[in-house]
Amino acid sequence: MSMEQKDKEQLEQLIASEKYQQILDRLCSMIDMVFEEEMPNFTVLNYTHKALKDAGITLDEIVPVALADDHFLNFTILKMDYIKSGKTMYFNKDFLIRNMIEFYFLKTNVKALPDYLKKVGLKGKYVTSLKKWFTEATNTELVAAVSTHLKELKEKRERAEDMPTQTATLKDWERLSSIYPKLTKQVLKDFDEYNVVTAGIPLAEIFQKSQDLDVTFSQELTLFFQHIGELRLEGVEIRFTDLYTDEFNGKDYLVLGEFWKYGDGDKLLYAPDTQQILCFAHEYAKPKVIKQADTMTEFVEKKLVTYLKS
C-alpha cells in the first residue's frame, strides 16, 4: 500500500513541526536517544503510512489527541526506555508517529488496540505493557511516581556507563543453544526489536556478586548467568546487574527480575536454601509466593518456554 504525494507531504510537515521536534529533543535529553538528522526516505515513511492505514485513522485525528497532551511525552519516555534497555539506539524521526497511534487508542478506544497491533505484527500481550506505561504517564496520582521513575532511569544509565552491556554474538547464541536448546529456539522464533539477550558474565564477577549479596548461587543459576547477562522478553526480565535480596511472606529471596505469569510486575525469585525458582503473585487477594521450578534450568527450559509459547 503505497502512499500518495499529499500523504508524504503531510507526514513530512508533521515531522518538521516545532512541537514534534520539541518532543524528539526532550527524548534525546532524557534517555540518550539518537535520531537521523535527515527526513526519512519514501520507503520508511511508507511503512509509517501503512501503520496509519492499519489503524484506520488519520494524522488529523491523532495529532490533537497525542501531541497536545503533555502526558504523551511521559508515555513515550517510559516505552522507549524499556525498548532501549539502557543502550543508545538510533531511530528515524518518523518513529514517534507509531507511538502517537498507540497513545490515541489508549486514550480514546483501547478496545481497538489489540486489532491494530495484530495488523502491524505485534503480539497481543504487548497491550499489557502499553496500558501500564499509559497509566503511569497519565494517572495524576502517579505523577510523582513517574518523576521518581525517570530519575531512577537516568541514574541507572549513568551507572551503566561504567558497566557497558555486551550484545550477544553468533558464538554466544551457539553456546546458548547447547545449554538451553528449547529456550534458544523459542526466542529466535519470535525475536524482535523489543527483546534483549546479552552475552554472559565472567565467572569471577558471578562469584563476587554472590559474596556481595551473601547468597549462595546454585550451579545452575551460575550457569545461567555465565551464558546470559540480561534477558528481556515479553513479560520476562532478568538482569545480572540488578540482582538484589528482599523478603516475601516472611522469607528471604534473591530477586532475579520479573515474570508476569500471574500479574504485571510479579517478581521472579530464587530460594537459596532449596535452589527453587518462584514467583511472587502480588495481585492475588492475599499475595503469595508460588513455586515455578525446582531448578533454574527447569524454569528456563520448561516453564519459561511454555509461557513464551502461550
C-alpha atoms as a PDB file:
ATOM      1  CA  MET A   1       0.000   0.000   0.000  1.00  0.00           C
ATOM      2  CA  SER A   2       1.935   2.978  -1.289  1.00  0.00           C
ATOM      3  CA  MET A   3       1.114   6.480  -0.130  1.00  0.00           C
ATOM      4  CA  GLU A   4       0.268   9.395  -2.373  1.00  0.00           C
ATOM      5  CA  GLN A   5       2.397  12.526  -2.594  1.00  0.00           C
ATOM      6  CA  LYS A   6      -0.034  14.535  -0.461  1.00  0.00           C
ATOM      7  CA  ASP A   7       0.214  11.945   2.340  1.00  0.00           C
ATOM      8  CA  LYS A   8       4.003  12.049   2.153  1.00  0.00           C
ATOM      9  CA  GLU A   9       3.972  15.842   2.406  1.00  0.00           C
ATOM     10  CA  GLN A  10       1.628  15.714   5.402  1.00  0.00           C
ATOM     11  CA  LEU A  11       3.932  13.279   7.205  1.00  0.00           C
ATOM     12  CA  GLU A  12       6.964  15.438   6.462  1.00  0.00           C
ATOM     13  CA  GLN A  13       5.166  18.585   7.689  1.00  0.00           C
ATOM     14  CA  LEU A  14       4.319  16.883  10.981  1.00  0.00           C
ATOM     15  CA  ILE A  15       7.869  15.631  11.490  1.00  0.00           C
ATOM     16  CA  ALA A  16       9.256  19.104  10.755  1.00  0.00           C
ATOM     17  CA  SER A  17       6.780  20.828  13.111  1.00  0.00           C
ATOM     18  CA  GLU A  18       8.048  22.636  16.200  1.00  0.00           C
ATOM     19  CA  LYS A  19       6.013  20.562  18.670  1.00  0.00           C
ATOM     20  CA  TYR A  20       7.155  17.264  17.153  1.00  0.00           C
ATOM     21  CA  GLN A  21      10.788  18.371  17.219  1.00  0.00           C
ATOM     22  CA  GLN A  22      10.481  19.516  20.845  1.00  0.00           C
ATOM     23  CA  ILE A  23       9.422  16.030  21.889  1.00  0.00           C
ATOM     24  CA  LEU A  24      12.329  14.459  19.995  1.00  0.00           C
ATOM     25  CA  ASP A  25      14.728  16.867  21.725  1.00  0.00           C
ATOM     26  CA  ARG A  26      13.304  16.005  25.138  1.00  0.00           C
ATOM     27  CA  LEU A  27      13.673  12.295  24.434  1.00  0.00           C
ATOM     28  CA  CYS A  28      17.308  12.789  23.488  1.00  0.00           C
ATOM     29  CA  SER A  29      17.989  14.650  26.730  1.00  0.00           C
ATOM     30  CA  MET A  30      16.083  12.193  28.936  1.00  0.00           C
ATOM     31  CA  ILE A  31      17.070   8.767  27.617  1.00  0.00           C
ATOM     32  CA  ASP A  32      20.051   9.257  25.345  1.00  0.00           C
ATOM     33  CA  MET A  33      18.328   8.512  22.048  1.00  0.00           C
ATOM     34  CA  VAL A  34      19.814   9.491  18.710  1.00  0.00           C
ATOM     35  CA  PHE A  35      17.790  10.382  15.623  1.00  0.00           C
ATOM     36  CA  GLU A  36      18.784  10.577  11.995  1.00  0.00           C
ATOM     37  CA  GLU A  37      19.045  14.246  11.081  1.00  0.00           C
ATOM     38  CA  GLU A  38      17.685  13.774   7.575  1.00  0.00           C
ATOM     39  CA  MET A  39      13.985  13.447   6.812  1.00  0.00           C
ATOM     40  CA  PRO A  40      13.068   9.735   6.484  1.00  0.00           C
ATOM     41  CA  ASN A  41      13.048   8.483   2.886  1.00  0.00           C
ATOM     42  CA  PHE A  42       9.968   7.367   0.979  1.00  0.00           C
ATOM     43  CA  THR A  43      10.314   3.700   1.962  1.00  0.00           C
ATOM     44  CA  VAL A  44      10.476   4.495   5.678  1.00  0.00           C
ATOM     45  CA  LEU A  45       7.589   6.957   5.512  1.00  0.00           C
ATOM     46  CA  ASN A  46       5.531   4.443   3.564  1.00  0.00           C
ATOM     47  CA  TYR A  47       5.931   1.995   6.467  1.00  0.00           C
ATOM     48  CA  THR A  48       4.519   4.605   8.856  1.00  0.00           C
ATOM     49  CA  HIS A  49       1.782   5.434   6.364  1.00  0.00           C
ATOM     50  CA  LYS A  50       0.794   1.748   6.331  1.00  0.00           C
ATOM     51  CA  ALA A  51       0.593   1.769  10.156  1.00  0.00           C
ATOM     52  CA  LEU A  52      -1.906   4.638   9.937  1.00  0.00           C
ATOM     53  CA  LYS A  53      -3.945   2.714   7.368  1.00  0.00           C
ATOM     54  CA  ASP A  54      -3.869  -0.411   9.549  1.00  0.00           C
ATOM     55  CA  ALA A  55      -5.103   1.706  12.452  1.00  0.00           C
ATOM     56  CA  GLY A  56      -7.885   3.177  10.328  1.00  0.00           C
ATOM     57  CA  ILE A  57      -7.126   6.719  11.477  1.00  0.00           C
ATOM     58  CA  THR A  58      -5.500   9.852  10.090  1.00  0.00           C
ATOM     59  CA  LEU A  59      -2.865  12.297  11.263  1.00  0.00           C
ATOM     60  CA  ASP A  60      -5.607  14.890  11.678  1.00  0.00           C
ATOM     61  CA  GLU A  61      -7.200  12.601  14.273  1.00  0.00           C
ATOM     62  CA  ILE A  62      -4.134  11.580  16.284  1.00  0.00           C
ATOM     63  CA  VAL A  63      -2.203  14.864  16.374  1.00  0.00           C
ATOM     64  CA  PRO A  64      -4.708  16.750  18.613  1.00  0.00           C
ATOM     65  CA  VAL A  65      -5.002  13.756  20.939  1.00  0.00           C
ATOM     66  CA  ALA A  66      -1.284  12.951  21.281  1.00  0.00           C
ATOM     67  CA  LEU A  67       0.882  15.998  20.642  1.00  0.00           C
ATOM     68  CA  ALA A  68      -1.490  18.293  22.525  1.00  0.00           C
ATOM     69  CA  ASP A  69      -1.335  16.076  25.617  1.00  0.00           C
ATOM     70  CA  ASP A  70       1.652  16.646  27.902  1.00  0.00           C
ATOM     71  CA  HIS A  71       1.309  13.050  29.125  1.00  0.00           C
ATOM     72  CA  PHE A  72       2.335  11.768  25.702  1.00  0.00           C
ATOM     73  CA  LEU A  73       5.977  12.626  26.423  1.00  0.00           C
ATOM     74  CA  ASN A  74       5.947  10.622  29.660  1.00  0.00           C
ATOM     75  CA  PHE A  75       4.315   7.686  27.863  1.00  0.00           C
ATOM     76  CA  THR A  76       6.948   7.764  25.139  1.00  0.00           C
ATOM     77  CA  ILE A  77       9.821   8.023  27.610  1.00  0.00           C
ATOM     78  CA  LEU A  78       8.624   5.002  29.581  1.00  0.00           C
ATOM     79  CA  LYS A  79       8.081   2.932  26.443  1.00  0.00           C
ATOM     80  CA  MET A  80      11.294   3.843  24.652  1.00  0.00           C
ATOM     81  CA  ASP A  81      13.495   3.382  27.716  1.00  0.00           C
ATOM     82  CA  TYR A  82      12.100  -0.152  28.031  1.00  0.00           C
ATOM     83  CA  ILE A  83      12.827  -0.860  24.369  1.00  0.00           C
ATOM     84  CA  LYS A  84      16.318   0.642  24.567  1.00  0.00           C
ATOM     85  CA  SER A  85      17.286  -1.388  27.632  1.00  0.00           C
ATOM     86  CA  GLY A  86      19.837   1.237  28.677  1.00  0.00           C
ATOM     87  CA  LYS A  87      21.727   1.287  25.374  1.00  0.00           C
ATOM     88  CA  THR A  88      21.978   4.115  22.868  1.00  0.00           C
ATOM     89  CA  MET A  89      19.858   3.350  19.822  1.00  0.00           C
ATOM     90  CA  TYR A  90      19.332   5.130  16.535  1.00  0.00           C
ATOM     91  CA  PHE A  91      15.889   5.920  15.145  1.00  0.00           C
ATOM     92  CA  ASN A  92      14.341   7.573  12.133  1.00  0.00           C
ATOM     93  CA  LYS A  93      12.363  10.653  13.082  1.00  0.00           C
ATOM     94  CA  ASP A  94       9.044   9.186  11.981  1.00  0.00           C
ATOM     95  CA  PHE A  95       9.052   6.507  14.728  1.00  0.00           C
ATOM     96  CA  LEU A  96       7.169   8.867  17.063  1.00  0.00           C
ATOM     97  CA  ILE A  97       4.054   8.628  14.901  1.00  0.00           C
ATOM     98  CA  ARG A  98       3.563   4.959  15.786  1.00  0.00           C
ATOM     99  CA  ASN A  99       3.743   5.924  19.467  1.00  0.00           C
ATOM    100  CA  MET A 100       1.079   8.541  18.738  1.00  0.00           C
ATOM    101  CA  ILE A 101      -1.172   5.876  17.231  1.00  0.00           C
ATOM    102  CA  GLU A 102      -0.848   3.682  20.333  1.00  0.00           C
ATOM    103  CA  PHE A 103      -1.442   6.659  22.640  1.00  0.00           C
ATOM    104  CA  TYR A 104      -4.511   7.625  20.596  1.00  0.00           C
ATOM    105  CA  PHE A 105      -6.096   4.186  21.035  1.00  0.00           C
ATOM    106  CA  LEU A 106      -5.188   4.018  24.734  1.00  0.00           C
ATOM    107  CA  LYS A 107      -6.869   7.370  25.303  1.00  0.00           C
ATOM    108  CA  THR A 108      -9.911   7.085  23.029  1.00  0.00           C
ATOM    109  CA  ASN A 109     -10.633   3.451  22.134  1.00  0.00           C
ATOM    110  CA  VAL A 110      -8.488   0.911  23.960  1.00  0.00           C
ATOM    111  CA  LYS A 111     -10.639  -1.992  22.729  1.00  0.00           C
ATOM    112  CA  ALA A 112      -9.421  -1.343  19.181  1.00  0.00           C
ATOM    113  CA  LEU A 113      -5.748  -1.523  20.186  1.00  0.00           C
ATOM    114  CA  PRO A 114      -5.284  -5.338  20.011  1.00  0.00           C
ATOM    115  CA  ASP A 115      -6.643  -5.473  16.457  1.00  0.00           C
ATOM    116  CA  TYR A 116      -4.261  -2.724  15.352  1.00  0.00           C
ATOM    117  CA  LEU A 117      -1.251  -4.416  16.999  1.00  0.00           C
ATOM    118  CA  LYS A 118      -2.136  -7.690  15.282  1.00  0.00           C
ATOM    119  CA  LYS A 119      -2.223  -5.968  11.892  1.00  0.00           C
ATOM    120  CA  VAL A 120       1.233  -4.454  12.391  1.00  0.00           C
ATOM    121  CA  GLY A 121       2.676  -7.761  13.585  1.00  0.00           C
ATOM    122  CA  LEU A 122       2.904  -7.196  17.349  1.00  0.00           C
ATOM    123  CA  LYS A 123       1.736  -9.728  19.937  1.00  0.00           C
ATOM    124  CA  GLY A 124      -1.469  -9.184  21.855  1.00  0.00           C
ATOM    125  CA  LYS A 125       0.382  -9.356  25.174  1.00  0.00           C
ATOM    126  CA  TYR A 126       2.092  -6.094  24.229  1.00  0.00           C
ATOM    127  CA  VAL A 127      -1.205  -4.388  25.143  1.00  0.00           C
ATOM    128  CA  THR A 128      -0.450  -5.084  28.800  1.00  0.00           C
ATOM    129  CA  SER A 129       2.811  -3.139  28.682  1.00  0.00           C
ATOM    130  CA  LEU A 130       1.225  -0.260  26.762  1.00  0.00           C
ATOM    131  CA  LYS A 131      -1.583   0.026  29.318  1.00  0.00           C
ATOM    132  CA  LYS A 132       0.946   0.023  32.146  1.00  0.00           C
ATOM    133  CA  TRP A 133       3.007   2.847  30.608  1.00  0.00           C
ATOM    134  CA  PHE A 134      -0.155   4.805  29.781  1.00  0.00           C
ATOM    135  CA  THR A 135      -1.420   4.504  33.361  1.00  0.00           C
ATOM    136  CA  GLU A 136       1.910   5.597  34.818  1.00  0.00           C
ATOM    137  CA  ALA A 137       2.098   8.518  32.418  1.00  0.00           C
ATOM    138  CA  THR A 138      -1.471   9.829  32.702  1.00  0.00           C
ATOM    139  CA  ASN A 139      -2.833   8.990  36.141  1.00  0.00           C
ATOM    140  CA  THR A 140      -2.463  12.199  38.159  1.00  0.00           C
ATOM    141  CA  GLU A 141      -1.973  10.182  41.345  1.00  0.00           C
ATOM    142  CA  LEU A 142       1.136   8.641  39.815  1.00  0.00           C
ATOM    143  CA  VAL A 143       2.782  11.813  38.529  1.00  0.00           C
ATOM    144  CA  ALA A 144       5.230  11.838  41.444  1.00  0.00           C
ATOM    145  CA  ALA A 145       5.942   8.145  40.920  1.00  0.00           C
ATOM    146  CA  VAL A 146       6.651   8.721  37.249  1.00  0.00           C
ATOM    147  CA  SER A 147       9.054  11.550  38.059  1.00  0.00           C
ATOM    148  CA  THR A 148      10.858   9.310  40.536  1.00  0.00           C
ATOM    149  CA  HIS A 149      10.971   6.516  37.984  1.00  0.00           C
ATOM    150  CA  LEU A 150      12.508   8.779  35.355  1.00  0.00           C
ATOM    151  CA  LYS A 151      15.118   9.932  37.845  1.00  0.00           C
ATOM    152  CA  GLU A 152      15.961   6.317  38.643  1.00  0.00           C
ATOM    153  CA  LEU A 153      16.238   5.532  34.929  1.00  0.00           C
ATOM    154  CA  LYS A 154      18.703   8.372  34.469  1.00  0.00           C
ATOM    155  CA  GLU A 155      20.797   7.262  37.460  1.00  0.00           C
ATOM    156  CA  LYS A 156      20.738   3.655  36.203  1.00  0.00           C
ATOM    157  CA  ARG A 157      22.018   4.748  32.813  1.00  0.00           C
ATOM    158  CA  GLU A 158      24.818   6.728  34.423  1.00  0.00           C
ATOM    159  CA  ARG A 159      25.857   3.650  36.403  1.00  0.00           C
ATOM    160  CA  ALA A 160      25.570   1.511  33.293  1.00  0.00           C
ATOM    161  CA  GLU A 161      28.104   3.703  31.515  1.00  0.00           C
ATOM    162  CA  ASP A 162      30.745   2.212  33.795  1.00  0.00           C
ATOM    163  CA  MET A 163      29.481  -1.317  33.085  1.00  0.00           C
ATOM    164  CA  PRO A 164      28.588  -1.459  29.372  1.00  0.00           C
ATOM    165  CA  THR A 165      26.442  -4.371  28.268  1.00  0.00           C
ATOM    166  CA  GLN A 166      27.800  -6.642  25.554  1.00  0.00           C
ATOM    167  CA  THR A 167      25.322  -7.760  22.913  1.00  0.00           C
ATOM    168  CA  ALA A 168      25.203 -11.497  22.320  1.00  0.00           C
ATOM    169  CA  THR A 169      27.234 -12.594  19.276  1.00  0.00           C
ATOM    170  CA  LEU A 170      26.646 -15.526  16.944  1.00  0.00           C
ATOM    171  CA  LYS A 171      29.039 -17.645  19.033  1.00  0.00           C
ATOM    172  CA  ASP A 172      27.122 -16.642  22.178  1.00  0.00           C
ATOM    173  CA  TRP A 173      23.892 -17.868  20.564  1.00  0.00           C
ATOM    174  CA  GLU A 174      25.582 -21.123  19.557  1.00  0.00           C
ATOM    175  CA  ARG A 175      26.773 -21.716  23.127  1.00  0.00           C
ATOM    176  CA  LEU A 176      23.354 -20.776  24.477  1.00  0.00           C
ATOM    177  CA  SER A 177      21.706 -23.249  22.123  1.00  0.00           C
ATOM    178  CA  SER A 178      23.858 -26.067  23.501  1.00  0.00           C
ATOM    179  CA  ILE A 179      22.801 -25.242  27.076  1.00  0.00           C
ATOM    180  CA  TYR A 180      19.187 -24.133  26.558  1.00  0.00           C
ATOM    181  CA  PRO A 181      18.084 -25.524  23.159  1.00  0.00           C
ATOM    182  CA  LYS A 182      14.344 -25.087  23.754  1.00  0.00           C
ATOM    183  CA  LEU A 183      14.662 -21.515  25.016  1.00  0.00           C
ATOM    184  CA  THR A 184      17.006 -20.522  22.197  1.00  0.00           C
ATOM    185  CA  LYS A 185      14.674 -21.957  19.568  1.00  0.00           C
ATOM    186  CA  GLN A 186      11.656 -20.153  21.047  1.00  0.00           C
ATOM    187  CA  VAL A 187      13.427 -16.816  21.498  1.00  0.00           C
ATOM    188  CA  LEU A 188      14.825 -16.776  17.967  1.00  0.00           C
ATOM    189  CA  LYS A 189      11.434 -17.744  16.590  1.00  0.00           C
ATOM    190  CA  ASP A 190       9.783 -14.550  17.850  1.00  0.00           C
ATOM    191  CA  PHE A 191      12.790 -12.286  18.397  1.00  0.00           C
ATOM    192  CA  ASP A 192      12.028  -8.620  17.633  1.00  0.00           C
ATOM    193  CA  GLU A 193      13.119  -5.071  18.475  1.00  0.00           C
ATOM    194  CA  TYR A 194      11.584  -5.274  21.940  1.00  0.00           C
ATOM    195  CA  ASN A 195      13.664  -8.270  23.026  1.00  0.00           C
ATOM    196  CA  VAL A 196      17.112  -8.210  24.621  1.00  0.00           C
ATOM    197  CA  VAL A 197      19.575 -11.070  25.103  1.00  0.00           C
ATOM    198  CA  THR A 198      23.125 -10.151  26.076  1.00  0.00           C
ATOM    199  CA  ALA A 199      26.341 -12.092  26.484  1.00  0.00           C
ATOM    200  CA  GLY A 200      27.137 -13.924  29.717  1.00  0.00           C
ATOM    201  CA  ILE A 201      29.012 -12.701  32.796  1.00  0.00           C
ATOM    202  CA  PRO A 202      32.576 -13.779  33.712  1.00  0.00           C
ATOM    203  CA  LEU A 203      32.620 -16.416  36.441  1.00  0.00           C
ATOM    204  CA  ALA A 204      34.688 -14.208  38.768  1.00  0.00           C
ATOM    205  CA  GLU A 205      32.023 -11.482  38.644  1.00  0.00           C
ATOM    206  CA  ILE A 206      29.285 -14.005  39.407  1.00  0.00           C
ATOM    207  CA  PHE A 207      31.164 -15.265  42.460  1.00  0.00           C
ATOM    208  CA  GLN A 208      31.777 -11.686  43.600  1.00  0.00           C
ATOM    209  CA  LYS A 209      28.070 -10.866  43.250  1.00  0.00           C
ATOM    210  CA  SER A 210      27.239 -13.964  45.274  1.00  0.00           C
ATOM    211  CA  GLN A 211      29.550 -12.801  48.053  1.00  0.00           C
ATOM    212  CA  ASP A 212      28.287  -9.217  47.962  1.00  0.00           C
ATOM    213  CA  LEU A 213      24.679 -10.369  48.317  1.00  0.00           C
ATOM    214  CA  ASP A 214      25.603 -13.099  50.813  1.00  0.00           C
ATOM    215  CA  VAL A 215      23.655 -15.602  48.717  1.00  0.00           C
ATOM    216  CA  THR A 216      24.893 -18.987  47.533  1.00  0.00           C
ATOM    217  CA  PHE A 217      24.217 -19.345  43.822  1.00  0.00           C
ATOM    218  CA  SER A 218      23.349 -22.862  42.703  1.00  0.00           C
ATOM    219  CA  GLN A 219      25.419 -24.408  39.924  1.00  0.00           C
ATOM    220  CA  GLU A 220      22.505 -23.995  37.532  1.00  0.00           C
ATOM    221  CA  LEU A 221      21.911 -20.348  38.436  1.00  0.00           C
ATOM    222  CA  THR A 222      25.618 -19.679  37.934  1.00  0.00           C
ATOM    223  CA  LEU A 223      25.435 -21.460  34.581  1.00  0.00           C
ATOM    224  CA  PHE A 224      22.550 -19.237  33.504  1.00  0.00           C
ATOM    225  CA  PHE A 225      24.466 -16.017  34.159  1.00  0.00           C
ATOM    226  CA  GLN A 226      27.578 -17.435  32.513  1.00  0.00           C
ATOM    227  CA  HIS A 227      25.564 -17.508  29.287  1.00  0.00           C
ATOM    228  CA  ILE A 228      23.037 -14.667  29.747  1.00  0.00           C
ATOM    229  CA  GLY A 229      23.806 -11.319  31.345  1.00  0.00           C
ATOM    230  CA  GLU A 230      20.371  -9.901  30.588  1.00  0.00           C
ATOM    231  CA  LEU A 231      17.192 -11.494  29.275  1.00  0.00           C
ATOM    232  CA  ARG A 232      14.303  -9.222  28.377  1.00  0.00           C
ATOM    233  CA  LEU A 233      11.317 -10.759  26.618  1.00  0.00           C
ATOM    234  CA  GLU A 234       7.597 -10.076  26.730  1.00  0.00           C
ATOM    235  CA  GLY A 235       6.657 -10.231  30.418  1.00  0.00           C
ATOM    236  CA  VAL A 236      10.091 -11.538  31.437  1.00  0.00           C
ATOM    237  CA  GLU A 237      13.096  -9.586  32.654  1.00  0.00           C
ATOM    238  CA  ILE A 238      16.279 -10.919  34.285  1.00  0.00           C
ATOM    239  CA  ARG A 239      19.341  -8.692  34.600  1.00  0.00           C
ATOM    240  CA  PHE A 240      22.518  -9.714  36.437  1.00  0.00           C
ATOM    241  CA  THR A 241      23.492  -6.134  37.345  1.00  0.00           C
ATOM    242  CA  ASP A 242      20.129  -5.564  39.098  1.00  0.00           C
ATOM    243  CA  LEU A 243      20.075  -8.616  41.390  1.00  0.00           C
ATOM    244  CA  TYR A 244      19.076  -7.889  44.984  1.00  0.00           C
ATOM    245  CA  THR A 245      17.650  -9.627  48.044  1.00  0.00           C
ATOM    246  CA  ASP A 246      14.275  -8.997  49.645  1.00  0.00           C
ATOM    247  CA  GLU A 247      11.750 -10.586  51.986  1.00  0.00           C
ATOM    248  CA  PHE A 248       8.461 -12.021  50.739  1.00  0.00           C
ATOM    249  CA  ASN A 249       5.912 -13.547  53.107  1.00  0.00           C
ATOM    250  CA  GLY A 250       8.489 -13.709  55.882  1.00  0.00           C
ATOM    251  CA  LYS A 251      11.285 -15.386  53.905  1.00  0.00           C
ATOM    252  CA  ASP A 252      14.405 -14.015  52.210  1.00  0.00           C
ATOM    253  CA  TYR A 253      14.869 -14.483  48.472  1.00  0.00           C
ATOM    254  CA  LEU A 254      17.184 -13.368  45.700  1.00  0.00           C
ATOM    255  CA  VAL A 255      15.139 -11.259  43.269  1.00  0.00           C
ATOM    256  CA  LEU A 256      16.130 -12.273  39.741  1.00  0.00           C
ATOM    257  CA  GLY A 257      13.806  -9.855  37.972  1.00  0.00           C
ATOM    258  CA  GLU A 258      10.179 -10.020  36.829  1.00  0.00           C
ATOM    259  CA  PHE A 259       7.939 -12.778  35.482  1.00  0.00           C
ATOM    260  CA  TRP A 260       4.416 -11.617  34.612  1.00  0.00           C
ATOM    261  CA  LYS A 261       2.746 -15.011  34.797  1.00  0.00           C
ATOM    262  CA  TYR A 262       0.043 -14.011  37.271  1.00  0.00           C
ATOM    263  CA  GLY A 263       0.114 -10.219  37.008  1.00  0.00           C
ATOM    264  CA  ASP A 264       2.117  -7.271  35.737  1.00  0.00           C
ATOM    265  CA  GLY A 265       5.257  -6.693  37.780  1.00  0.00           C
ATOM    266  CA  ASP A 266       5.334 -10.064  39.589  1.00  0.00           C
ATOM    267  CA  LYS A 267       8.839 -10.736  40.931  1.00  0.00           C
ATOM    268  CA  LEU A 268      10.878 -13.766  39.897  1.00  0.00           C
ATOM    269  CA  LEU A 269      12.602 -15.243  42.961  1.00  0.00           C
ATOM    270  CA  TYR A 270      15.386 -17.688  43.792  1.00  0.00           C
ATOM    271  CA  ALA A 271      15.369 -19.511  47.138  1.00  0.00           C
ATOM    272  CA  PRO A 272      18.999 -20.044  48.271  1.00  0.00           C
ATOM    273  CA  ASP A 273      18.119 -22.881  50.658  1.00  0.00           C
ATOM    274  CA  THR A 274      16.169 -25.042  48.172  1.00  0.00           C
ATOM    275  CA  GLN A 275      17.535 -23.615  44.864  1.00  0.00           C
ATOM    276  CA  GLN A 276      13.937 -23.400  43.652  1.00  0.00           C
ATOM    277  CA  ILE A 277      12.619 -20.687  41.330  1.00  0.00           C
ATOM    278  CA  LEU A 278       9.422 -18.986  42.463  1.00  0.00           C
ATOM    279  CA  CYS A 279       7.124 -16.118  41.567  1.00  0.00           C
ATOM    280  CA  PHE A 280       5.562 -13.563  43.916  1.00  0.00           C
ATOM    281  CA  ALA A 281       1.958 -13.108  42.747  1.00  0.00           C
ATOM    282  CA  HIS A 282       1.379  -9.670  44.218  1.00  0.00           C
ATOM    283  CA  GLU A 283      -2.076  -9.098  42.665  1.00  0.00           C
ATOM    284  CA  TYR A 284      -3.685 -12.031  44.477  1.00  0.00           C
ATOM    285  CA  ALA A 285      -6.206 -11.105  47.177  1.00  0.00           C
ATOM    286  CA  LYS A 286      -3.571 -12.454  49.536  1.00  0.00           C
ATOM    287  CA  PRO A 287      -0.193 -12.077  47.758  1.00  0.00           C
ATOM    288  CA  LYS A 288       1.745 -15.324  47.804  1.00  0.00           C
ATOM    289  CA  VAL A 289       4.941 -16.962  46.615  1.00  0.00           C
ATOM    290  CA  ILE A 290       4.273 -19.687  44.037  1.00  0.00           C
ATOM    291  CA  LYS A 291       6.839 -22.318  43.052  1.00  0.00           C
ATOM    292  CA  GLN A 292       7.726 -22.418  39.347  1.00  0.00           C
ATOM    293  CA  ALA A 293      10.522 -24.979  39.142  1.00  0.00           C
ATOM    294  CA  ASP A 294      12.983 -26.969  41.238  1.00  0.00           C
ATOM    295  CA  THR A 295      15.993 -25.581  39.368  1.00  0.00           C
ATOM    296  CA  MET A 296      16.922 -22.647  37.138  1.00  0.00           C
ATOM    297  CA  THR A 297      17.388 -24.954  34.153  1.00  0.00           C
ATOM    298  CA  GLU A 298      13.944 -26.458  34.621  1.00  0.00           C
ATOM    299  CA  PHE A 299      12.459 -22.959  34.822  1.00  0.00           C
ATOM    300  CA  VAL A 300      14.231 -21.789  31.662  1.00  0.00           C
ATOM    301  CA  GLU A 301      13.636 -24.874  29.510  1.00  0.00           C
ATOM    302  CA  LYS A 302      10.116 -25.743  30.670  1.00  0.00           C
ATOM    303  CA  LYS A 303       8.194 -23.005  32.483  1.00  0.00           C
ATOM    304  CA  LEU A 304       9.655 -20.059  30.595  1.00  0.00           C
ATOM    305  CA  VAL A 305       9.389 -21.711  27.181  1.00  0.00           C
ATOM    306  CA  THR A 306       5.776 -22.702  27.865  1.00  0.00           C
ATOM    307  CA  TYR A 307       4.996 -19.138  28.968  1.00  0.00           C
ATOM    308  CA  LEU A 308       6.545 -17.642  25.822  1.00  0.00           C
ATOM    309  CA  LYS A 309       4.651 -20.055  23.581  1.00  0.00           C
ATOM    310  CA  SER A 310       1.351 -19.016  25.155  1.00  0.00           C
END
